[in-house]
Protein backbone atom coordinates (compact mmCIF):
# COMPACT_ATOMS: atom_id res chain seq x y z
CA ALA A 1 12.67 3.28 -5.01
CA ASP A 2 15.76 5.13 -6.01
CA GLU A 3 13.97 7.12 -8.86
CA MET A 4 11.02 7.76 -7.27
CA GLY A 5 11.89 11.37 -6.30
CA GLN A 6 12.43 12.23 -9.86
CA HIS A 7 8.76 11.75 -10.55
CA TYR A 8 7.28 13.63 -7.17
CA PRO A 9 8.36 16.71 -5.46
CA SER A 10 10.27 16.61 -2.38
CA ARG A 11 7.67 17.30 0.10
CA TYR A 12 5.30 14.61 -1.45
CA GLU A 13 5.58 11.74 1.05
CA SER A 14 3.03 9.19 -0.39
CA TYR A 15 6.21 7.14 -2.07
CA GLY A 16 7.94 6.47 1.41
CA ASP A 17 7.59 3.15 3.39
CA HIS A 18 4.88 3.77 5.83
CA ARG A 19 4.86 0.45 6.97
CA THR A 20 8.14 0.99 9.10
CA ALA A 21 7.89 4.88 9.59
CA ALA A 22 4.59 4.65 11.43
CA LYS A 23 4.56 4.21 15.21
CA GLY A 24 1.80 3.64 17.78
CA MET A 25 -1.38 4.37 16.76
CA LEU A 26 -0.72 5.82 13.76
CA ARG A 27 0.67 2.39 12.76
CA ARG A 28 -2.80 0.68 14.16
CA ALA A 29 -4.81 3.56 11.89
CA TYR A 30 -2.65 2.64 8.86
CA ASN A 31 -2.54 -0.82 9.22
CA TYR A 32 -6.47 -1.06 9.80
CA GLY A 33 -7.07 1.15 6.52
CA MET A 34 -4.94 -0.86 4.30
CA ALA A 35 -6.65 -4.13 6.03
CA LYS A 36 -10.02 -2.53 4.69
CA ARG A 37 -8.72 -1.66 1.60
CA CYS A 38 -7.70 -5.28 0.75
CA ARG A 39 -11.08 -6.47 2.27
CA TYR A 40 -13.02 -3.80 -0.51
CA VAL A 41 -11.16 -6.03 -3.31
CA THR A 42 -11.20 -9.49 -1.55
CA ASP A 43 -15.04 -9.51 -0.90
CA HIS A 44 -15.64 -9.05 -4.62
CA VAL A 45 -13.02 -10.94 -6.01
CA ALA A 46 -11.69 -14.18 -4.64
CA GLY A 47 -7.70 -14.13 -5.78
CA GLY A 48 -5.56 -13.49 -8.74
CA ARG A 49 -3.66 -10.62 -9.79
CA LEU A 50 -3.53 -6.92 -9.54
CA LEU A 51 -2.51 -3.78 -11.13
CA ASP A 52 -2.76 -0.13 -9.63
CA VAL A 53 -2.22 2.38 -11.59
CA GLY A 54 -0.56 5.25 -9.86
CA CYS A 55 0.29 3.29 -6.84
CA ALA A 56 2.88 5.65 -4.96
CA ALA A 57 5.07 3.26 -3.70
CA GLY A 58 2.82 0.15 -4.00
CA ALA A 59 1.76 -0.21 -0.30
CA PHE A 60 -1.46 -1.59 -1.32
CA LEU A 61 0.18 -3.94 -3.52
CA ALA A 62 2.29 -5.29 -0.97
CA ALA A 63 -0.34 -5.68 1.41
CA MET A 64 -2.39 -7.76 -1.20
CA ARG A 65 0.60 -9.81 -1.85
CA GLU A 66 1.58 -10.25 1.71
CA GLN A 67 -1.82 -10.28 3.52
CA ARG A 68 -3.81 -12.09 0.99
CA GLY A 69 -1.47 -13.97 -1.68
CA TRP A 70 -2.51 -11.46 -4.60
CA GLN A 71 0.05 -11.20 -7.56
């Protein structure tokens, strides 16, 4: 996380931690979208390991690990 700013412009917000930053309806929309992305994968593959190239801060990878038990 400390090195992300070296690789992206300062106004690029996608490498921030939106899991804690979002409030209210924005947080619900974020959680819904993340769950939908997770379902897209788990509807096709039962489990395993995941590589996300260009994953920004890794929120999708974290969701797959925390919510679905993937590596």
